[in-house]
């Protein structure tokens, strides 16, 4: 990532295309020929099927990054009501959450903030079109207030 962009930021690894970046990094670091044009959907499909160890490893790393970032945001905002993870890729990865990478990174049991982190509930939201639903609620509130 740093060779391509000069730095590596969370937005480059903690999103659908970030999964591709992680996969490509693993291919490079393990000297394995990567699949040109591979998509997040293909990596997810391969990981779920168990047909590609690199895809599974990429998903595990992705989930670890997501869990750590969710916990950091929880600490920054003291999210007593919890952290809600949304997006298109997470609902597809539900069967792989049992592997524990998301939760372990979220809790960071060795961290001095483990007790505080564990007090913030972690929710995975599977509702589709959540952004549109939120926009609808805001629009209705706006219309009612006029």
Protein backbone atom coordinates (compact mmCIF):
# COMPACT_ATOMS: atom_id res chain seq x y z
CA UNK A 1 0.00 0.00 0.00
CA UNK A 2 2.73 2.44 0.92
CA UNK A 3 4.53 1.79 -2.36
CA UNK A 4 1.34 2.56 -4.27
CA UNK A 5 -0.09 5.43 -2.23
CA UNK A 6 2.75 6.75 -0.08
CA UNK A 7 0.95 5.66 3.09
CA UNK A 8 -1.57 3.13 4.26
CA UNK A 9 -4.78 4.53 5.69
CA UNK A 10 -7.70 2.69 7.22
CA UNK A 11 -9.92 3.57 4.25
CA UNK A 12 -7.58 1.63 1.97
CA UNK A 13 -7.94 -1.65 3.86
CA UNK A 14 -11.24 -1.50 5.72
CA UNK A 15 -13.72 -1.54 2.85
CA UNK A 16 -14.69 -3.85 0.00
CA UNK A 17 -11.81 -2.81 -2.21
CA UNK A 18 -9.54 -2.92 0.84
CA UNK A 19 -10.12 -6.66 0.84
CA UNK A 20 -8.55 -6.72 -2.63
CA UNK A 21 -5.62 -4.65 -1.35
CA UNK A 22 -5.08 -7.10 1.50
CA UNK A 23 -5.33 -10.08 -0.87
CA UNK A 24 -2.82 -8.51 -3.27
CA UNK A 25 -0.46 -7.76 -0.39
CA UNK A 26 -0.64 -11.39 0.76
CA UNK A 27 0.07 -12.60 -2.77
CA UNK A 28 3.07 -10.27 -3.00
CA UNK A 29 4.46 -11.08 0.45
CA UNK A 30 4.04 -14.84 -0.02
CA UNK A 31 5.34 -14.71 -3.61
CA UNK A 32 2.13 -16.18 -4.98
CA UNK A 33 0.78 -15.09 -8.34
CA UNK A 34 -2.31 -13.01 -7.70
CA UNK A 35 -5.49 -13.14 -9.73
CA UNK A 36 -5.68 -10.02 -11.91
CA UNK A 37 -8.94 -8.18 -11.50
CA UNK A 38 -10.10 -10.19 -8.49
CA UNK A 39 -13.09 -8.57 -6.80
CA UNK A 40 -14.14 -8.37 -3.15
CA UNK A 41 -17.07 -10.64 -4.04
CA UNK A 42 -14.72 -13.29 -5.45
CA UNK A 43 -12.45 -13.15 -2.41
CA UNK A 44 -15.46 -13.46 -0.12
CA UNK A 45 -16.88 -16.35 -2.14
CA UNK A 46 -13.53 -18.18 -2.13
CA UNK A 47 -13.10 -17.64 1.61
CA UNK A 48 -16.59 -18.90 2.39
CA UNK A 49 -16.07 -21.96 0.18
CA UNK A 50 -12.65 -22.64 1.68
CA UNK A 51 -11.27 -22.90 -1.84
CA UNK A 52 -8.47 -20.34 -1.45
CA UNK A 53 -6.36 -20.09 1.70
CA UNK A 54 -5.17 -16.60 0.72
CA UNK A 55 -8.75 -15.39 0.39
CA UNK A 56 -9.56 -16.73 3.85
CA UNK A 57 -6.45 -15.11 5.29
CA UNK A 58 -7.36 -11.80 3.61
CA UNK A 59 -10.84 -11.95 5.14
CA UNK A 60 -9.40 -12.76 8.58
CA UNK A 61 -7.06 -9.76 8.35
CA UNK A 62 -9.90 -7.57 7.10
CA UNK A 63 -12.08 -8.61 10.05
CA UNK A 64 -9.22 -7.97 12.48
CA UNK A 65 -8.71 -4.48 11.07
CA UNK A 66 -12.44 -3.81 11.23
CA UNK A 67 -12.66 -5.00 14.84
CA UNK A 68 -9.69 -2.89 15.92
CA UNK A 69 -11.02 0.21 14.15
CA UNK A 70 -14.49 -0.30 15.64
CA UNK A 71 -12.95 -0.51 19.10
CA UNK A 72 -10.84 2.60 18.51
CA UNK A 73 -13.91 4.54 17.44
CA UNK A 74 -15.75 3.24 20.50
CA UNK A 75 -12.96 4.48 22.75
CA UNK A 76 -12.80 7.86 21.03
CA UNK A 77 -16.52 8.45 21.42
CA UNK A 78 -17.14 6.45 24.64
CA UNK A 79 -19.85 4.57 22.78
CA UNK A 80 -21.83 3.35 25.76
CA UNK A 81 -24.76 2.49 23.46
CA UNK A 82 -22.52 0.25 21.41
CA UNK A 83 -20.81 0.10 18.06
CA UNK A 84 -22.86 -0.79 14.99
CA UNK A 85 -21.04 -2.26 11.99
CA UNK A 86 -22.91 -1.82 8.73
CA UNK A 87 -22.09 -2.15 5.07
CA UNK A 88 -22.48 -4.48 2.16
CA UNK A 89 -19.63 -6.90 2.81
CA UNK A 90 -20.21 -7.74 6.49
CA UNK A 91 -23.56 -9.54 6.05
CA UNK A 92 -21.88 -11.82 3.50
CA UNK A 93 -19.11 -12.62 5.96
CA UNK A 94 -21.40 -13.65 8.83
CA UNK A 95 -20.45 -17.35 8.61
CA UNK A 96 -16.78 -16.39 9.08
CA UNK A 97 -17.37 -14.26 12.18
CA UNK A 98 -17.31 -17.44 14.26
CA UNK A 99 -13.58 -17.64 13.57
CA UNK A 100 -13.26 -14.84 16.13
CA UNK A 101 -10.97 -12.38 14.36
CA UNK A 102 -13.43 -9.47 14.51
CA UNK A 103 -14.31 -9.94 18.17
CA UNK A 104 -10.75 -10.61 19.34
CA UNK A 105 -9.48 -7.45 17.68
CA UNK A 106 -12.44 -5.51 19.08
CA UNK A 107 -11.84 -6.68 22.64
CA UNK A 108 -8.03 -6.58 22.46
CA UNK A 109 -7.75 -8.62 25.64
CA UNK A 110 -4.15 -7.51 26.26
CA UNK A 111 -5.02 -3.83 26.04
CA UNK A 112 -5.16 -1.67 29.13
CA UNK A 113 -8.56 -0.53 27.79
CA UNK A 114 -9.96 -4.06 27.48
CA UNK A 115 -12.50 -3.57 30.29
CA UNK A 116 -13.75 -0.33 28.76
CA UNK A 117 -13.87 -1.82 25.24
CA UNK A 118 -15.79 -4.84 26.45
CA UNK A 119 -18.39 -2.56 28.03
CA UNK A 120 -19.39 -1.30 24.56
CA UNK A 121 -21.70 -3.79 22.84
CA UNK A 122 -20.71 -4.69 19.28
CA UNK A 123 -23.54 -5.09 16.77
CA UNK A 124 -23.40 -6.30 13.18
CA UNK A 125 -26.29 -4.79 11.23
CA UNK A 126 -27.57 -6.90 8.36
CA UNK A 127 -30.37 -4.59 7.22
CA UNK A 128 -30.00 -3.76 3.53
CA UNK A 129 -30.24 -0.18 2.28
CA UNK A 130 -29.72 1.20 5.77
CA UNK A 131 -28.49 4.53 4.41
CA UNK A 132 -31.63 4.97 2.34
CA UNK A 133 -33.79 4.09 5.34
CA UNK A 134 -32.00 6.71 7.42
CA UNK A 135 -32.40 9.30 4.67
CA UNK A 136 -36.12 8.52 4.55
CA UNK A 137 -36.47 9.07 8.30
CA UNK A 138 -34.57 12.37 8.08
CA UNK A 139 -36.68 13.46 5.12
CA UNK A 140 -39.92 12.71 6.97
CA UNK A 141 -38.71 14.63 10.02
CA UNK A 142 -37.80 17.57 7.82
CA UNK A 143 -41.23 17.58 6.16
CA UNK A 144 -43.08 17.31 9.46
CA UNK A 145 -41.12 20.19 10.98
CA UNK A 146 -42.14 22.58 8.17
